[in-house]
Structures are given as structure tokens and as C-alpha cells.
């Protein structure tokens, strides 16, 4: 699978995720894929478990915005924002591909925080 095909598969994955299409969202993963959430220490083994976990999430996203996708060859990174119950989670997904499917994914989730006043002279703050 070439890079254009992988990028297309990633775009389809995030569109399905945003739409809540649990079947299409997980087509990108190998059956034996591993997904890690380092902040909680969780490791999900297999596409089936990953799909089941996400299908049972108590809150459905009310917003989903991909900020950017970068990558080449077998390593791709997506930066996006998910909104659950009015709260934004800034998220980074690192996907490692094997034979055109995701074999390993690591996801990081971060809460927003207020910009400190002391940095004001050097930064622009987006609303």
C-alpha cells in the first residue's frame, strides 16, 4: 500500500469515527492490532476489543475536528480534538502500519488549560 492509499484510509477512519460508524472506523486495524493509552496505562489487544471498548463509551462525541495529519511510509500522526459532553480533549494518535493496516496505535489525550499571563508578550491566544 502506498502513502496515498494509507492517507486515504486514515481520512476514511477519522470520518467514520466522527460519524460514529463503529464498523467502518475499525476497518483500518489488523485483527491483532495493539492500541495503547499511556496516560492510563491501558493496552487494548486486538481489533475486536478495541471496537468493543469504543462502542461502549458512555458519552458519544458531540464534536470531532482533525487539525492535521502527517506521516510517511509506515508511521502516521494525527492531531485532533474530540468534544465529549461539552469538554474538549486534545488528542494525538500515532499509527504504525503493517501491510496497509494499523498494527500499533498510541493515543495521548490532554485537557485544555488557560494560558498564563506571564507569556502574553510572546504569544497569540486562539479563542
Protein backbone atom coordinates (compact mmCIF):
# COMPACT_ATOMS: atom_id res chain seq x y z
CA UNK A 1 0.00 0.00 0.00
CA UNK A 2 1.46 3.37 -0.97
CA UNK A 3 1.34 6.58 1.07
CA UNK A 4 -1.67 7.98 -0.84
CA UNK A 5 -3.63 4.81 -0.05
CA UNK A 6 -2.65 4.97 3.62
CA UNK A 7 -3.62 8.65 3.82
CA UNK A 8 -6.97 7.86 2.22
CA UNK A 9 -7.54 5.02 4.72
CA UNK A 10 -6.71 7.39 7.60
CA UNK A 11 -9.12 10.03 6.27
CA UNK A 12 -11.86 7.39 6.00
CA UNK A 13 -11.07 6.18 9.52
CA UNK A 14 -11.44 9.64 11.09
CA UNK A 15 -14.58 10.42 9.07
CA UNK A 16 -16.16 7.16 10.29
CA UNK A 17 -15.06 7.91 13.85
CA UNK A 18 -16.61 11.39 13.69
CA UNK A 19 -19.84 9.90 12.28
CA UNK A 20 -19.99 7.20 14.96
CA UNK A 21 -19.73 4.37 12.41
CA UNK A 22 -18.13 1.72 14.63
CA UNK A 23 -17.79 -0.80 11.82
CA UNK A 24 -16.09 1.46 9.26
CA UNK A 25 -13.95 3.12 11.93
CA UNK A 26 -12.21 -0.17 12.72
CA UNK A 27 -11.58 -1.45 9.20
CA UNK A 28 -8.16 0.23 9.30
CA UNK A 29 -6.86 -2.10 12.04
CA UNK A 30 -5.21 -5.51 11.79
CA UNK A 31 -7.02 -8.26 13.70
CA UNK A 32 -4.05 -8.40 16.09
CA UNK A 33 -3.60 -4.63 16.41
CA UNK A 34 -2.47 -3.16 19.70
CA UNK A 35 -3.66 0.22 20.95
CA UNK A 36 -2.06 1.93 23.93
CA UNK A 37 -3.32 4.73 26.19
CA UNK A 38 -0.09 5.66 28.04
CA UNK A 39 -1.77 8.14 30.39
CA UNK A 40 -3.99 5.45 31.91
CA UNK A 41 -1.60 2.54 31.34
CA UNK A 42 -4.18 0.62 29.28
CA UNK A 43 -3.25 -1.66 26.40
CA UNK A 44 -6.00 -2.96 24.13
CA UNK A 45 -5.18 -6.18 22.29
CA UNK A 46 -6.96 -6.88 19.01
CA UNK A 47 -9.35 -5.03 16.71
CA UNK A 48 -12.34 -6.78 18.29
CA UNK A 49 -11.52 -5.50 21.79
CA UNK A 50 -10.76 -2.01 20.52
CA UNK A 51 -14.08 -1.82 18.69
CA UNK A 52 -15.97 -3.19 21.72
CA UNK A 53 -14.28 -0.69 24.05
CA UNK A 54 -15.12 2.26 21.80
CA UNK A 55 -18.66 1.00 21.19
CA UNK A 56 -19.35 1.02 24.94
CA UNK A 57 -18.08 4.53 25.63
CA UNK A 58 -20.75 6.15 27.83
CA UNK A 59 -20.63 9.50 26.02
CA UNK A 60 -20.90 9.99 22.28
CA UNK A 61 -18.68 12.71 20.84
CA UNK A 62 -20.56 15.93 20.07
CA UNK A 63 -17.61 17.28 18.09
CA UNK A 64 -14.67 15.92 16.20
CA UNK A 65 -12.09 18.00 14.35
CA UNK A 66 -8.90 16.80 12.72
CA UNK A 67 -6.26 19.53 13.00
CA UNK A 68 -3.58 17.83 10.91
CA UNK A 69 -2.23 14.53 9.67
CA UNK A 70 1.45 13.97 8.92
CA UNK A 71 3.38 10.88 8.07
CA UNK A 72 5.24 8.79 5.59
CA UNK A 73 5.87 5.15 4.89
CA UNK A 74 4.62 3.14 7.90
CA UNK A 75 4.36 5.91 10.56
CA UNK A 76 1.50 8.46 10.67
CA UNK A 77 0.42 11.01 13.29
CA UNK A 78 -2.97 12.67 13.61
CA UNK A 79 -3.68 15.61 15.86
CA UNK A 80 -7.39 16.12 16.58
CA UNK A 81 -9.93 17.42 19.05
CA UNK A 82 -12.82 15.36 20.39
CA UNK A 83 -15.62 17.01 22.35
CA UNK A 84 -17.39 14.85 24.94
CA UNK A 85 -20.26 16.37 26.92
CA UNK A 86 -19.04 19.89 26.16
CA UNK A 87 -15.44 19.20 27.17
CA UNK A 88 -12.67 19.20 24.57
CA UNK A 89 -9.92 16.60 24.61
CA UNK A 90 -6.86 17.44 22.55
CA UNK A 91 -5.69 14.13 21.14
CA UNK A 92 -2.69 12.74 19.28
CA UNK A 93 -2.81 9.37 17.54
CA UNK A 94 0.39 7.68 16.40
CA UNK A 95 -0.33 4.87 13.93
CA UNK A 96 2.18 2.29 12.78
CA UNK A 97 1.17 0.41 9.64
CA UNK A 98 1.99 -3.14 8.57
CA UNK A 99 0.80 -4.39 5.18
CA UNK A 100 -1.60 -1.46 4.77
CA UNK A 101 -3.34 -1.78 8.16
CA UNK A 102 -2.66 -0.34 11.61
CA UNK A 103 -0.64 -2.80 13.68
CA UNK A 104 0.05 -0.45 16.60
CA UNK A 105 -1.56 2.79 17.73
CA UNK A 106 -0.70 5.02 20.67
CA UNK A 107 -3.17 7.73 21.71
CA UNK A 108 -2.49 10.65 24.03
CA UNK A 109 -5.31 12.78 25.49
CA UNK A 110 -4.84 16.22 27.03
CA UNK A 111 -7.24 18.64 28.68
CA UNK A 112 -7.16 22.31 27.69
CA UNK A 113 -5.63 24.83 30.10
CA UNK A 114 -5.58 28.61 30.38
CA UNK A 115 -2.56 30.43 29.02
CA UNK A 116 -0.60 32.05 31.84
CA UNK A 117 -0.38 35.83 31.78
CA UNK A 118 3.42 35.89 32.03
CA UNK A 119 3.75 34.54 28.45
CA UNK A 120 1.42 37.15 26.97
CA UNK A 121 4.06 39.32 25.34
CA UNK A 122 5.34 36.42 23.21
CA UNK A 123 2.21 34.53 22.20
CA UNK A 124 -1.08 34.80 20.39
CA UNK A 125 -4.01 33.09 22.12
CA UNK A 126 -6.66 31.48 19.92
CA UNK A 127 -10.24 31.55 21.16
